Amino acid sequence: MRYAFSEHFIEDNFIRTSLGSKYPIVELKYTKAWQGAFSSTNDYHKLDLTISDYVSLAPYGYFYYNFFGGKVFGTAPYQMLDILPGNELYYFNKYAFNLMHQFEYITDAYAGFNVEHNIGSGLFRFLPITRKLKFRQFWSAKAVVGSLSDANKAYNFVGNYPYKSLDNNVYMEIGTGIDNILRFFRVDFVWGVSPKSIVTDPTRRFGVFASFHLNF
């Protein structure tokens, strides 16, 4: 189910693209697996909920937030659980944890947030060259807490498995950077705050990422 009051779209015969809404967008997904259906051995329920919005803070730019959470009721293989989104590229992914490896953490219960405040010119307005180049300043923060039941650990943590559980610990990244470089490019500086394994790893406690997008 998706509720997005006053949402606008661009649509043709085959593709429908959302232009967003001025109001919060709420999405609720329910998944049910039946044991024995199409020879399946899985039997579980799964709920996922997200709430997101862009909020204007004129004259201080805009604020984006996304709160999310989910729960799996039952035992399932890791592909059917919730795999926290990691990123192993130097291209910044707004919707992933950029210092986290792919398939690093799996959960059957999780909750977290993803926020970003684009301040606009910010401190760049005090320097003539950055004011002329119209650089934009921002900060961001992402965090998630997750766990994995003993039953799902026993089912999945066998052999040479590459993933692990957060065990109710918080994974968190914070960042800042420069946006609107030559109108297209953005550079993110990201720091790992927790867990301890990220902070103490010199190759993962800090990263620099690039991306590009169009603003109209």
N, C-alpha and C. Protein backbone atom coordinates (compact mmCIF):
# COMPACT_ATOMS: atom_id res chain seq x y z
N MET A 1 0.85 -1.19 0.00
CA MET A 1 0.00 0.00 0.00
C MET A 1 0.88 1.23 0.00
N ARG A 2 0.45 2.21 -0.77
CA ARG A 2 1.19 3.47 -0.86
C ARG A 2 0.21 4.62 -0.76
N TYR A 3 0.48 5.56 0.15
CA TYR A 3 -0.36 6.74 0.28
C TYR A 3 0.50 7.97 0.04
N ALA A 4 0.19 8.69 -1.02
CA ALA A 4 0.94 9.90 -1.38
C ALA A 4 -0.06 10.94 -1.84
N PHE A 5 -0.52 11.75 -0.91
CA PHE A 5 -1.55 12.74 -1.22
C PHE A 5 -1.03 13.77 -2.21
N SER A 6 -1.81 14.02 -3.26
CA SER A 6 -1.51 15.04 -4.26
C SER A 6 -0.19 14.76 -4.99
N GLU A 7 0.10 13.47 -5.22
CA GLU A 7 1.31 13.11 -5.96
C GLU A 7 1.11 13.36 -7.45
N HIS A 8 2.18 13.79 -8.15
CA HIS A 8 2.13 14.05 -9.58
C HIS A 8 3.02 13.05 -10.31
N PHE A 9 2.64 12.75 -11.57
CA PHE A 9 3.35 11.75 -12.36
C PHE A 9 3.58 12.25 -13.78
N ILE A 10 4.61 11.67 -14.41
CA ILE A 10 4.77 11.71 -15.86
C ILE A 10 4.55 10.27 -16.34
N GLU A 11 3.66 10.09 -17.30
CA GLU A 11 3.25 8.74 -17.66
C GLU A 11 3.10 8.60 -19.17
N ASP A 12 3.55 7.44 -19.69
CA ASP A 12 3.27 7.10 -21.08
C ASP A 12 2.66 5.71 -21.10
N ASN A 13 2.70 5.05 -22.25
CA ASN A 13 2.04 3.74 -22.36
C ASN A 13 2.69 2.66 -21.50
N PHE A 14 3.98 2.82 -21.19
CA PHE A 14 4.70 1.75 -20.51
C PHE A 14 5.36 2.16 -19.20
N ILE A 15 5.69 3.43 -19.04
CA ILE A 15 6.47 3.88 -17.88
C ILE A 15 5.71 4.97 -17.13
N ARG A 16 5.71 4.87 -15.81
CA ARG A 16 5.09 5.87 -14.96
C ARG A 16 6.14 6.36 -13.96
N THR A 17 6.47 7.66 -14.00
CA THR A 17 7.51 8.23 -13.16
C THR A 17 6.90 9.25 -12.20
N SER A 18 7.18 9.07 -10.92
CA SER A 18 6.64 9.97 -9.91
C SER A 18 7.44 11.27 -9.85
N LEU A 19 6.75 12.38 -9.73
CA LEU A 19 7.38 13.68 -9.49
C LEU A 19 7.28 14.07 -8.02
N GLY A 20 6.82 13.15 -7.19
CA GLY A 20 6.76 13.41 -5.76
C GLY A 20 5.50 14.12 -5.33
N SER A 21 5.48 14.46 -4.06
CA SER A 21 4.33 15.11 -3.44
C SER A 21 4.82 16.16 -2.45
N LYS A 22 3.98 17.13 -2.17
CA LYS A 22 4.30 18.14 -1.16
C LYS A 22 4.10 17.61 0.26
N TYR A 23 3.57 16.41 0.36
CA TYR A 23 3.22 15.84 1.65
C TYR A 23 3.99 14.54 1.87
N PRO A 24 4.07 14.07 3.12
CA PRO A 24 4.78 12.80 3.39
C PRO A 24 4.19 11.64 2.60
N ILE A 25 5.06 10.75 2.14
CA ILE A 25 4.66 9.55 1.41
C ILE A 25 4.86 8.35 2.33
N VAL A 26 3.82 7.57 2.48
CA VAL A 26 3.84 6.41 3.37
C VAL A 26 3.67 5.15 2.53
N GLU A 27 4.56 4.18 2.72
CA GLU A 27 4.48 2.91 1.99
C GLU A 27 4.54 1.75 2.99
N LEU A 28 3.60 0.83 2.86
CA LEU A 28 3.55 -0.36 3.71
C LEU A 28 3.50 -1.58 2.81
N LYS A 29 4.42 -2.51 3.04
CA LYS A 29 4.48 -3.72 2.23
C LYS A 29 4.33 -4.95 3.13
N TYR A 30 3.47 -5.86 2.70
CA TYR A 30 3.27 -7.11 3.44
C TYR A 30 3.58 -8.28 2.51
N THR A 31 4.37 -9.22 3.00
CA THR A 31 4.76 -10.39 2.22
C THR A 31 4.40 -11.64 3.02
N LYS A 32 3.84 -12.62 2.34
CA LYS A 32 3.50 -13.88 2.98
C LYS A 32 4.04 -15.03 2.12
N ALA A 33 4.77 -15.95 2.75
CA ALA A 33 5.25 -17.15 2.07
C ALA A 33 4.50 -18.35 2.63
N TRP A 34 3.97 -19.18 1.74
CA TRP A 34 3.22 -20.37 2.15
C TRP A 34 4.07 -21.62 1.93
N GLN A 35 4.25 -22.38 2.97
CA GLN A 35 4.97 -23.64 2.84
C GLN A 35 4.17 -24.61 1.97
N GLY A 36 4.84 -25.21 1.00
CA GLY A 36 4.19 -26.16 0.10
C GLY A 36 3.72 -25.56 -1.20
N ALA A 37 3.56 -24.23 -1.25
CA ALA A 37 3.13 -23.59 -2.50
C ALA A 37 4.28 -23.59 -3.49
N PHE A 38 4.06 -24.15 -4.67
CA PHE A 38 5.10 -24.28 -5.70
C PHE A 38 6.36 -24.93 -5.13
N SER A 39 6.17 -25.94 -4.28
CA SER A 39 7.27 -26.71 -3.67
C SER A 39 8.12 -25.87 -2.72
N SER A 40 7.59 -24.75 -2.23
CA SER A 40 8.35 -23.92 -1.30
C SER A 40 8.42 -24.56 0.08
N THR A 41 9.56 -24.37 0.74
CA THR A 41 9.72 -24.83 2.12
C THR A 41 9.64 -23.68 3.11
N ASN A 42 9.40 -22.46 2.61
CA ASN A 42 9.37 -21.28 3.47
C ASN A 42 7.96 -21.01 4.00
N ASP A 43 7.91 -20.53 5.23
CA ASP A 43 6.63 -20.17 5.84
C ASP A 43 6.88 -19.00 6.78
N TYR A 44 6.60 -17.78 6.32
CA TYR A 44 6.87 -16.60 7.16
C TYR A 44 5.98 -15.44 6.72
N HIS A 45 5.89 -14.42 7.58
CA HIS A 45 5.24 -13.15 7.30
C HIS A 45 6.31 -12.05 7.36
N LYS A 46 6.11 -11.02 6.55
CA LYS A 46 7.09 -9.94 6.52
C LYS A 46 6.39 -8.60 6.35
N LEU A 47 6.75 -7.60 7.19
CA LEU A 47 6.20 -6.26 7.11
C LEU A 47 7.34 -5.26 6.92
N ASP A 48 7.15 -4.28 6.02
CA ASP A 48 8.11 -3.20 5.80
C ASP A 48 7.35 -1.88 5.70
N LEU A 49 7.83 -0.87 6.40
CA LEU A 49 7.17 0.43 6.44
C LEU A 49 8.19 1.54 6.21
N THR A 50 7.86 2.51 5.35
CA THR A 50 8.71 3.69 5.15
C THR A 50 7.84 4.95 5.13
N ILE A 51 8.39 6.04 5.66
CA ILE A 51 7.76 7.35 5.64
C ILE A 51 8.82 8.35 5.19
N SER A 52 8.56 9.09 4.11
CA SER A 52 9.57 10.01 3.59
C SER A 52 8.92 11.30 3.13
N ASP A 53 9.75 12.37 3.10
CA ASP A 53 9.22 13.67 2.68
C ASP A 53 10.39 14.63 2.46
N TYR A 54 10.15 15.63 1.62
CA TYR A 54 11.03 16.78 1.46
C TYR A 54 10.33 17.99 2.08
N VAL A 55 11.00 18.67 3.02
CA VAL A 55 10.41 19.79 3.73
C VAL A 55 11.19 21.05 3.41
N SER A 56 10.49 22.10 2.95
CA SER A 56 11.14 23.37 2.66
C SER A 56 11.42 24.11 3.96
N LEU A 57 12.67 24.60 4.08
CA LEU A 57 13.06 25.36 5.27
C LEU A 57 13.54 26.75 4.86
N ALA A 58 12.91 27.33 3.86
CA ALA A 58 13.32 28.64 3.34
C ALA A 58 13.44 29.65 4.48
N PRO A 59 14.52 30.42 4.49
CA PRO A 59 15.60 30.52 3.48
C PRO A 59 16.78 29.59 3.74
N TYR A 60 16.57 28.53 4.50
CA TYR A 60 17.67 27.63 4.86
C TYR A 60 17.59 26.30 4.10
N GLY A 61 17.24 26.35 2.82
CA GLY A 61 17.26 25.18 1.99
C GLY A 61 16.09 24.25 2.23
N TYR A 62 16.35 22.94 2.14
CA TYR A 62 15.29 21.95 2.33
C TYR A 62 15.84 20.77 3.13
N PHE A 63 14.93 20.02 3.71
CA PHE A 63 15.28 18.90 4.57
C PHE A 63 14.57 17.66 4.06
N TYR A 64 15.33 16.58 3.85
CA TYR A 64 14.77 15.31 3.42
C TYR A 64 14.86 14.32 4.57
N TYR A 65 13.79 13.57 4.79
CA TYR A 65 13.85 12.51 5.80
C TYR A 65 13.19 11.24 5.28
N ASN A 66 13.68 10.13 5.75
CA ASN A 66 13.12 8.82 5.44
C ASN A 66 13.27 7.95 6.70
N PHE A 67 12.15 7.63 7.32
CA PHE A 67 12.15 6.72 8.46
C PHE A 67 11.63 5.37 7.99
N PHE A 68 12.29 4.31 8.42
CA PHE A 68 11.93 2.99 7.90
C PHE A 68 12.07 1.93 8.99
N GLY A 69 11.37 0.83 8.80
CA GLY A 69 11.45 -0.28 9.74
C GLY A 69 10.79 -1.51 9.15
N GLY A 70 11.12 -2.66 9.70
CA GLY A 70 10.54 -3.89 9.19
C GLY A 70 10.76 -5.04 10.14
N LYS A 71 10.01 -6.13 9.91
CA LYS A 71 10.07 -7.30 10.76
C LYS A 71 9.67 -8.54 9.96
N VAL A 72 10.44 -9.62 10.14
CA VAL A 72 10.11 -10.91 9.56
C VAL A 72 9.64 -11.82 10.69
N PHE A 73 8.47 -12.39 10.53
CA PHE A 73 7.92 -13.31 11.51
C PHE A 73 8.08 -14.73 10.96
N GLY A 74 9.03 -15.47 11.51
CA GLY A 74 9.29 -16.82 11.02
C GLY A 74 10.74 -16.99 10.63
N THR A 75 11.06 -18.14 10.05
CA THR A 75 12.42 -18.48 9.66
C THR A 75 12.50 -18.55 8.14
N ALA A 76 13.56 -17.94 7.58
CA ALA A 76 13.70 -17.89 6.12
C ALA A 76 15.16 -17.79 5.75
N PRO A 77 15.53 -18.18 4.52
CA PRO A 77 16.91 -18.00 4.05
C PRO A 77 17.22 -16.52 3.90
N TYR A 78 18.52 -16.20 3.92
CA TYR A 78 18.92 -14.79 3.98
C TYR A 78 18.40 -13.97 2.80
N GLN A 79 18.18 -14.61 1.63
CA GLN A 79 17.67 -13.84 0.48
C GLN A 79 16.28 -13.28 0.75
N MET A 80 15.52 -13.93 1.64
CA MET A 80 14.16 -13.51 1.93
C MET A 80 14.09 -12.61 3.17
N LEU A 81 15.20 -12.48 3.89
CA LEU A 81 15.25 -11.57 5.03
C LEU A 81 15.56 -10.17 4.52
N ASP A 82 15.93 -9.27 5.40
CA ASP A 82 16.26 -7.90 5.00
C ASP A 82 17.78 -7.75 4.97
N ILE A 83 18.32 -7.55 3.78
CA ILE A 83 19.75 -7.33 3.59
C ILE A 83 19.98 -5.82 3.57
N LEU A 84 20.71 -5.31 4.55
CA LEU A 84 20.93 -3.87 4.62
C LEU A 84 21.73 -3.42 3.40
N PRO A 85 21.32 -2.31 2.78
CA PRO A 85 21.96 -1.90 1.51
C PRO A 85 23.34 -1.28 1.72
N GLY A 86 24.37 -1.93 1.20
CA GLY A 86 25.72 -1.39 1.23
C GLY A 86 26.12 -0.86 -0.13
N ASN A 87 27.28 -0.24 -0.18
CA ASN A 87 27.77 0.35 -1.42
C ASN A 87 29.27 0.14 -1.51
N GLU A 88 29.74 -0.55 -2.54
CA GLU A 88 31.16 -0.79 -2.72
C GLU A 88 31.73 -0.01 -3.90
N LEU A 89 31.01 1.03 -4.32
CA LEU A 89 31.46 1.89 -5.40
C LEU A 89 31.90 3.24 -4.84
N TYR A 90 32.63 4.01 -5.64
CA TYR A 90 32.99 5.37 -5.26
C TYR A 90 31.91 6.37 -5.65
N TYR A 91 30.86 5.85 -6.29
CA TYR A 91 29.71 6.69 -6.63
C TYR A 91 28.76 6.71 -5.44
N PHE A 92 28.42 7.88 -4.94
CA PHE A 92 27.60 8.00 -3.73
C PHE A 92 26.18 7.53 -3.99
N ASN A 93 25.68 6.68 -3.10
CA ASN A 93 24.31 6.18 -3.18
C ASN A 93 23.51 6.77 -2.03
N LYS A 94 22.55 7.60 -2.34
CA LYS A 94 21.76 8.29 -1.32
C LYS A 94 20.97 7.32 -0.46
N TYR A 95 20.58 6.18 -1.03
CA TYR A 95 19.68 5.26 -0.34
C TYR A 95 20.41 4.04 0.23
N ALA A 96 21.74 4.09 0.30
CA ALA A 96 22.51 2.97 0.85
C ALA A 96 23.47 3.51 1.90
N PHE A 97 24.07 2.58 2.66
CA PHE A 97 25.13 2.93 3.60
C PHE A 97 26.45 2.79 2.85
N ASN A 98 27.12 3.94 2.65
CA ASN A 98 28.21 3.97 1.69
C ASN A 98 29.53 3.41 2.21
N LEU A 99 29.66 3.20 3.52
CA LEU A 99 30.84 2.56 4.08
C LEU A 99 30.58 1.09 4.44
N MET A 100 29.41 0.61 4.11
CA MET A 100 29.02 -0.77 4.39
C MET A 100 29.22 -1.62 3.14
N HIS A 101 29.73 -2.84 3.31
CA HIS A 101 29.86 -3.76 2.19
C HIS A 101 28.49 -4.33 1.83
N GLN A 102 28.33 -4.71 0.57
CA GLN A 102 27.12 -5.39 0.16
C GLN A 102 27.04 -6.76 0.83
N PHE A 103 25.83 -7.14 1.23
CA PHE A 103 25.59 -8.42 1.89
C PHE A 103 26.37 -8.56 3.21
N GLU A 104 26.74 -7.43 3.82
CA GLU A 104 27.51 -7.52 5.06
C GLU A 104 26.61 -7.86 6.25
N TYR A 105 25.43 -7.23 6.32
CA TYR A 105 24.53 -7.44 7.44
C TYR A 105 23.16 -7.91 6.94
N ILE A 106 22.63 -8.92 7.62
CA ILE A 106 21.25 -9.32 7.37
C ILE A 106 20.48 -9.20 8.68
N THR A 107 19.18 -8.92 8.59
CA THR A 107 18.35 -8.74 9.77
C THR A 107 16.98 -9.36 9.52
N ASP A 108 16.28 -9.66 10.60
CA ASP A 108 14.86 -9.98 10.50
C ASP A 108 14.02 -8.99 11.30
N ALA A 109 14.68 -7.98 11.89
CA ALA A 109 14.00 -6.87 12.55
C ALA A 109 14.92 -5.66 12.48
N TYR A 110 14.43 -4.54 11.98
CA TYR A 110 15.29 -3.37 11.80
C TYR A 110 14.46 -2.09 11.89
N ALA A 111 15.13 -0.99 12.20
CA ALA A 111 14.52 0.34 12.19
C ALA A 111 15.64 1.36 12.01
N GLY A 112 15.36 2.43 11.26
CA GLY A 112 16.40 3.41 11.03
C GLY A 112 15.89 4.67 10.39
N PHE A 113 16.82 5.54 10.03
CA PHE A 113 16.47 6.80 9.39
C PHE A 113 17.57 7.21 8.42
N ASN A 114 17.19 8.06 7.47
CA ASN A 114 18.09 8.64 6.49
C ASN A 114 17.67 10.09 6.32
N VAL A 115 18.51 11.04 6.75
CA VAL A 115 18.15 12.46 6.69
C VAL A 115 19.24 13.24 5.98
N GLU A 116 18.82 14.31 5.33
CA GLU A 116 19.77 15.20 4.67
C GLU A 116 19.23 16.62 4.68
N HIS A 117 20.07 17.57 5.06
CA HIS A 117 19.70 18.99 5.05
C HIS A 117 20.58 19.71 4.05
N ASN A 118 20.00 20.14 2.95
CA ASN A 118 20.70 20.95 1.96
C ASN A 118 20.53 22.41 2.36
N ILE A 119 21.60 23.02 2.82
CA ILE A 119 21.53 24.36 3.43
C ILE A 119 21.46 25.46 2.38
N GLY A 120 21.82 25.17 1.16
CA GLY A 120 21.93 26.20 0.14
C GLY A 120 23.36 26.70 0.09
N SER A 121 23.56 27.99 -0.05
CA SER A 121 24.92 28.53 -0.17
C SER A 121 25.71 28.39 1.12
N GLY A 122 25.04 28.43 2.29
CA GLY A 122 25.70 28.23 3.57
C GLY A 122 26.94 29.07 3.74
N LEU A 123 28.04 28.42 4.15
CA LEU A 123 29.30 29.15 4.36
C LEU A 123 29.93 29.62 3.06
N PHE A 124 29.52 29.01 1.94
CA PHE A 124 30.11 29.39 0.66
C PHE A 124 29.75 30.81 0.24
N ARG A 125 28.71 31.37 0.82
CA ARG A 125 28.33 32.73 0.42
C ARG A 125 29.31 33.79 0.93
N PHE A 126 30.21 33.41 1.86
CA PHE A 126 31.16 34.38 2.41
C PHE A 126 32.44 34.47 1.60
N LEU A 127 32.63 33.56 0.62
CA LEU A 127 33.81 33.61 -0.23
C LEU A 127 33.39 33.99 -1.64
N PRO A 128 33.99 35.01 -2.21
CA PRO A 128 33.56 35.48 -3.53
C PRO A 128 33.58 34.40 -4.60
N ILE A 129 34.63 33.55 -4.62
CA ILE A 129 34.73 32.56 -5.69
C ILE A 129 33.67 31.48 -5.55
N THR A 130 33.42 30.98 -4.33
CA THR A 130 32.40 29.94 -4.15
C THR A 130 30.99 30.53 -4.29
N ARG A 131 30.84 31.81 -3.93
CA ARG A 131 29.54 32.46 -4.13
C ARG A 131 29.26 32.61 -5.62
N LYS A 132 30.27 32.94 -6.39
CA LYS A 132 30.10 33.08 -7.84
C LYS A 132 29.82 31.73 -8.49
N LEU A 133 30.46 30.66 -7.99
CA LEU A 133 30.26 29.32 -8.54
C LEU A 133 28.96 28.68 -8.07
N LYS A 134 28.29 29.31 -7.09
CA LYS A 134 26.99 28.86 -6.57
C LYS A 134 27.07 27.46 -5.96
N PHE A 135 28.16 27.21 -5.23
CA PHE A 135 28.27 25.96 -4.51
C PHE A 135 27.19 25.88 -3.43
N ARG A 136 26.77 24.66 -3.11
CA ARG A 136 25.77 24.43 -2.07
C ARG A 136 26.36 23.51 -1.00
N GLN A 137 25.94 23.77 0.22
CA GLN A 137 26.44 23.02 1.36
C GLN A 137 25.33 22.13 1.92
N PHE A 138 25.71 20.98 2.47
CA PHE A 138 24.71 20.08 3.05
C PHE A 138 25.35 19.23 4.14
N TRP A 139 24.51 18.61 4.94
CA TRP A 139 24.95 17.57 5.88
C TRP A 139 23.94 16.43 5.84
N SER A 140 24.39 15.24 6.20
CA SER A 140 23.51 14.08 6.14
C SER A 140 23.84 13.13 7.28
N ALA A 141 22.89 12.25 7.59
CA ALA A 141 23.09 11.22 8.62
C ALA A 141 22.21 10.02 8.28
N LYS A 142 22.77 8.84 8.47
CA LYS A 142 22.03 7.59 8.24
C LYS A 142 22.32 6.65 9.39
N ALA A 143 21.30 5.97 9.87
CA ALA A 143 21.50 5.02 10.96
C ALA A 143 20.47 3.92 10.88
N VAL A 144 20.84 2.75 11.37
CA VAL A 144 19.92 1.62 11.43
C VAL A 144 20.33 0.73 12.59
N VAL A 145 19.36 0.20 13.28
CA VAL A 145 19.59 -0.81 14.30
C VAL A 145 18.88 -2.08 13.86
N GLY A 146 19.54 -3.21 13.98
CA GLY A 146 18.95 -4.44 13.49
C GLY A 146 19.32 -5.63 14.36
N SER A 147 18.55 -6.69 14.21
CA SER A 147 18.82 -7.91 14.96
C SER A 147 18.43 -9.10 14.10
N LEU A 148 18.87 -10.27 14.54
CA LEU A 148 18.57 -11.52 13.84
C LEU A 148 18.26 -12.57 14.90
N SER A 149 17.12 -13.23 14.76
CA SER A 149 16.70 -14.21 15.75
C SER A 149 17.65 -15.41 15.77
N ASP A 150 17.65 -16.11 16.89
CA ASP A 150 18.49 -17.31 17.00
C ASP A 150 18.12 -18.34 15.94
N ALA A 151 16.83 -18.45 15.65
CA ALA A 151 16.38 -19.43 14.65
C ALA A 151 16.93 -19.09 13.27
N ASN A 152 16.93 -17.79 12.90
CA ASN A 152 17.46 -17.41 11.59
C ASN A 152 18.98 -17.46 11.55
N LYS A 153 19.64 -17.25 12.69
CA LYS A 153 21.10 -17.44 12.73
C LYS A 153 21.45 -18.90 12.50
N ALA A 154 20.73 -19.80 13.17
CA ALA A 154 21.00 -21.23 13.00
C ALA A 154 20.71 -21.69 11.58
N TYR A 155 19.72 -21.09 10.95
CA TYR A 155 19.33 -21.49 9.59
C TYR A 155 20.32 -20.96 8.55
N ASN A 156 20.88 -19.77 8.78
CA ASN A 156 21.69 -19.11 7.76
C ASN A 156 23.19 -19.11 8.05
N PHE A 157 23.59 -19.11 9.31
CA PHE A 157 25.02 -19.02 9.63
C PHE A 157 25.63 -20.42 9.63
N VAL A 158 25.70 -21.01 8.46
CA VAL A 158 26.30 -22.34 8.29
C VAL A 158 27.32 -22.27 7.16
N GLY A 159 28.38 -23.04 7.29
CA GLY A 159 29.39 -23.04 6.24
C GLY A 159 30.17 -21.74 6.23
N ASN A 160 30.64 -21.35 5.08
CA ASN A 160 31.47 -20.16 4.92
C ASN A 160 30.60 -18.97 4.53
N TYR A 161 29.74 -18.55 5.44
CA TYR A 161 28.82 -17.46 5.14
C TYR A 161 29.54 -16.11 5.20
N PRO A 162 29.20 -15.14 4.33
CA PRO A 162 29.92 -13.86 4.28
C PRO A 162 29.25 -12.74 5.08
N TYR A 163 28.10 -12.99 5.67
CA TYR A 163 27.33 -11.92 6.29
C TYR A 163 27.30 -12.11 7.80
N LYS A 164 26.76 -11.09 8.49
CA LYS A 164 26.68 -11.12 9.95
C LYS A 164 25.48 -10.31 10.41
N SER A 165 25.27 -10.27 11.73
CA SER A 165 24.14 -9.54 12.30
C SER A 165 24.66 -8.35 13.09
N LEU A 166 23.85 -7.30 13.15
CA LEU A 166 24.18 -6.15 13.99
C LEU A 166 23.99 -6.45 15.48
N ASP A 167 23.20 -7.48 15.78
CA ASP A 167 22.95 -7.89 17.18
C ASP A 167 22.50 -6.70 18.05
N ASN A 168 21.52 -5.96 17.53
CA ASN A 168 20.92 -4.81 18.23
C ASN A 168 21.87 -3.63 18.41
N ASN A 169 22.99 -3.63 17.69
CA ASN A 169 23.88 -2.47 17.68
C ASN A 169 23.45 -1.49 16.58
N VAL A 170 23.88 -0.27 16.71
CA VAL A 170 23.54 0.78 15.74
C VAL A 170 24.65 0.93 14.71
N TYR A 171 24.29 0.90 13.44
CA TYR A 171 25.21 1.26 12.37
C TYR A 171 24.87 2.69 11.96
N MET A 172 25.88 3.58 11.94
CA MET A 172 25.60 5.00 11.66
C MET A 172 26.71 5.62 10.85
N GLU A 173 26.31 6.44 9.89
CA GLU A 173 27.23 7.25 9.09
C GLU A 173 26.75 8.70 9.11
N ILE A 174 27.70 9.64 9.12
CA ILE A 174 27.37 11.05 8.97
C ILE A 174 28.23 11.62 7.84
N GLY A 175 27.75 12.69 7.23
CA GLY A 175 28.50 13.23 6.11
C GLY A 175 28.20 14.69 5.85
N THR A 176 29.05 15.28 5.03
CA THR A 176 28.85 16.63 4.53
C THR A 176 29.55 16.69 3.18
N GLY A 177 29.47 17.85 2.52
CA GLY A 177 30.12 17.94 1.22
C GLY A 177 29.72 19.17 0.44
N ILE A 178 30.00 19.11 -0.84
CA ILE A 178 29.75 20.24 -1.75
C ILE A 178 28.83 19.77 -2.87
N ASP A 179 27.76 20.52 -3.07
CA ASP A 179 26.80 20.21 -4.13
C ASP A 179 26.79 21.34 -5.15
N ASN A 180 26.21 21.04 -6.32
CA ASN A 180 26.06 22.01 -7.40
C ASN A 180 27.40 22.46 -7.99
N ILE A 181 28.38 21.54 -8.05
CA ILE A 181 29.66 21.83 -8.68
C ILE A 181 29.47 21.79 -10.19
N LEU A 182 29.67 22.90 -10.84
CA LEU A 182 29.44 23.03 -12.29
C LEU A 182 28.00 22.62 -12.64
N ARG A 183 27.08 22.82 -11.68
CA ARG A 183 25.64 22.57 -11.87
C ARG A 183 25.25 21.09 -11.82
N PHE A 184 26.23 20.19 -11.94
CA PHE A 184 25.90 18.77 -12.07
C PHE A 184 26.47 17.90 -10.95
N PHE A 185 27.66 18.22 -10.45
CA PHE A 185 28.42 17.28 -9.64
C PHE A 185 28.29 17.57 -8.14
N ARG A 186 28.54 16.49 -7.37
CA ARG A 186 28.46 16.57 -5.92
C ARG A 186 29.55 15.68 -5.33
N VAL A 187 30.17 16.14 -4.25
CA VAL A 187 31.19 15.38 -3.54
C VAL A 187 30.75 15.21 -2.09
N ASP A 188 30.76 13.96 -1.62
CA ASP A 188 30.37 13.63 -0.25
C ASP A 188 31.57 13.15 0.55
N PHE A 189 31.70 13.67 1.77
CA PHE A 189 32.69 13.19 2.72
C PHE A 189 31.92 12.46 3.83
N VAL A 190 32.18 11.18 4.00
CA VAL A 190 31.37 10.34 4.88
C VAL A 190 32.25 9.74 5.97
N TRP A 191 31.76 9.81 7.23
CA TRP A 191 32.44 9.24 8.37
C TRP A 191 31.59 8.13 8.98
N GLY A 192 32.23 7.01 9.34
CA GLY A 192 31.54 5.96 10.06
C GLY A 192 31.58 6.24 11.55
N VAL A 193 30.43 6.24 12.19
CA VAL A 193 30.32 6.57 13.63
C VAL A 193 30.24 5.30 14.48
N SER A 194 29.50 4.33 14.02
CA SER A 194 29.36 3.06 14.74
C SER A 194 28.93 2.00 13.72
N PRO A 195 29.18 0.71 14.02
CA PRO A 195 29.73 0.13 15.25
C PRO A 195 31.25 0.31 15.34
N LYS A 196 31.82 -0.22 16.40
CA LYS A 196 33.25 -0.04 16.67
C LYS A 196 34.11 -0.60 15.56
N SER A 197 33.67 -1.69 14.92
CA SER A 197 34.46 -2.32 13.86
C SER A 197 34.67 -1.38 12.68
N ILE A 198 33.74 -0.43 12.47
CA ILE A 198 33.89 0.56 11.39
C ILE A 198 34.85 1.65 11.81
N VAL A 199 34.69 2.14 13.04
CA VAL A 199 35.49 3.26 13.53
C VAL A 199 36.97 2.89 13.61
N THR A 200 37.26 1.65 13.99
CA THR A 200 38.65 1.23 14.17
C THR A 200 39.31 0.72 12.88
N ASP A 201 38.55 0.64 11.80
CA ASP A 201 39.08 0.18 10.52
C ASP A 201 39.49 1.40 9.70
N PRO A 202 40.80 1.64 9.50
CA PRO A 202 41.23 2.85 8.78
C PRO A 202 40.75 2.92 7.34
N THR A 203 40.41 1.78 6.75
CA THR A 203 39.96 1.77 5.37
C THR A 203 38.46 2.04 5.24
N ARG A 204 37.73 2.08 6.39
CA ARG A 204 36.28 2.21 6.31
C ARG A 204 35.70 3.30 7.19
N ARG A 205 36.51 3.92 8.03
CA ARG A 205 35.95 4.93 8.92
C ARG A 205 35.73 6.27 8.22
N PHE A 206 36.29 6.43 7.00
CA PHE A 206 36.10 7.66 6.25
C PHE A 206 36.15 7.34 4.77
N GLY A 207 35.29 8.01 3.99
CA GLY A 207 35.28 7.81 2.55
C GLY A 207 34.88 9.07 1.81
N VAL A 208 35.35 9.18 0.59
CA VAL A 208 35.00 10.29 -0.30
C VAL A 208 34.29 9.71 -1.51
N PHE A 209 33.12 10.27 -1.83
CA PHE A 209 32.30 9.74 -2.92
C PHE A 209 31.87 10.89 -3.83
N ALA A 210 31.67 10.57 -5.09
CA ALA A 210 31.22 11.55 -6.07
C ALA A 210 29.90 11.10 -6.68
N SER A 211 29.13 12.04 -7.18
CA SER A 211 27.88 11.73 -7.88
C SER A 211 27.52 12.92 -8.74
N PHE A 212 26.54 12.73 -9.60
CA PHE A 212 26.06 13.84 -10.41
C PHE A 212 24.54 13.73 -10.56
N HIS A 213 23.89 14.84 -10.74
CA HIS A 213 22.44 14.88 -10.94
C HIS A 213 22.09 16.22 -11.57
N LEU A 214 20.87 16.31 -12.06
CA LEU A 214 20.40 17.52 -12.72
C LEU A 214 19.41 18.24 -11.83
N ASN A 215 19.56 19.55 -11.72
CA ASN A 215 18.61 20.38 -11.00
C ASN A 215 17.97 21.36 -11.96
N PHE A 216 16.65 21.50 -11.85
CA PHE A 216 15.94 22.43 -12.73
C PHE A 216 15.25 23.50 -11.88
